[in-house]
Amino acid sequence: MILEAYISDSQVSGTVPLYRFRHIPNCRHFYTADETEKDNVEASGQYVIEGKAGYVKA
């Protein structure tokens, strides 16, 4: 599957943050723009949030 997205360095109208996480055991990365998912992943203790990777369309 190929997924295309445009990521902005700064937030503009109609965009939301795209968060980047690192999986602790294997250093793989996970991205989400969903605030609830972000909170759940962060609370799991298996991922470290690395911050905002940019901004994507809502």
Protein backbone atom coordinates (compact mmCIF):
# COMPACT_ATOMS: atom_id res chain seq x y z
CA MET A 1 0.00 0.00 0.00
CA ILE A 2 1.26 3.46 -0.86
CA LEU A 3 0.14 6.41 1.21
CA GLU A 4 0.83 9.93 0.08
CA ALA A 5 0.62 12.99 2.30
CA TYR A 6 1.88 16.51 2.31
CA ILE A 7 3.55 17.65 5.50
CA SER A 8 4.03 21.29 6.43
CA ASP A 9 6.71 22.62 8.80
CA SER A 10 4.26 25.10 10.28
CA GLN A 11 0.63 24.91 11.25
CA VAL A 12 -1.81 26.58 8.89
CA SER A 13 -5.59 26.65 8.83
CA GLY A 14 -7.08 23.18 8.35
CA THR A 15 -4.04 21.22 9.56
CA VAL A 16 -3.31 19.16 12.68
CA PRO A 17 -0.04 18.00 14.25
CA LEU A 18 1.49 14.73 13.05
CA TYR A 19 3.21 13.08 16.03
CA ARG A 20 6.24 10.82 15.74
CA PHE A 21 6.90 7.99 18.20
CA ARG A 22 9.82 5.59 18.56
CA HIS A 23 9.13 2.00 19.65
CA ILE A 24 11.50 1.31 22.53
CA PRO A 25 12.46 -2.35 21.85
CA ASN A 26 13.17 -2.11 18.11
CA CYS A 27 13.49 1.65 17.37
CA ARG A 28 10.81 1.57 14.67
CA HIS A 29 8.74 4.69 14.19
CA PHE A 30 4.99 5.22 14.41
CA TYR A 31 3.10 8.33 13.31
CA THR A 32 -0.38 9.57 14.18
CA ALA A 33 -2.41 12.74 13.77
CA ASP A 34 -5.19 11.48 16.08
CA GLU A 35 -5.01 13.05 19.57
CA THR A 36 -6.76 10.12 21.29
CA GLU A 37 -4.44 7.61 19.61
CA LYS A 38 -1.46 9.78 20.58
CA ASP A 39 -2.54 9.73 24.23
CA ASN A 40 -3.13 5.95 24.19
CA VAL A 41 0.21 5.18 22.54
CA GLU A 42 2.04 7.47 24.93
CA ALA A 43 0.30 5.85 27.93
CA SER A 44 1.20 2.33 26.74
CA GLY A 45 4.81 2.84 27.81
CA GLN A 46 6.08 1.02 24.71
CA TYR A 47 6.74 4.16 22.68
CA VAL A 48 8.61 7.39 23.32
CA ILE A 49 7.13 10.49 21.75
CA GLU A 50 9.72 12.33 19.67
CA GLY A 51 7.50 15.35 19.06
CA LYS A 52 5.71 16.80 16.07
CA ALA A 53 6.95 15.65 12.69
CA GLY A 54 4.95 18.39 11.01
CA TYR A 55 1.36 19.26 10.17
CA VAL A 56 -1.10 17.48 7.87
CA LYS A 57 -4.61 18.18 6.59
CA ALA A 58 -7.31 17.46 9.14
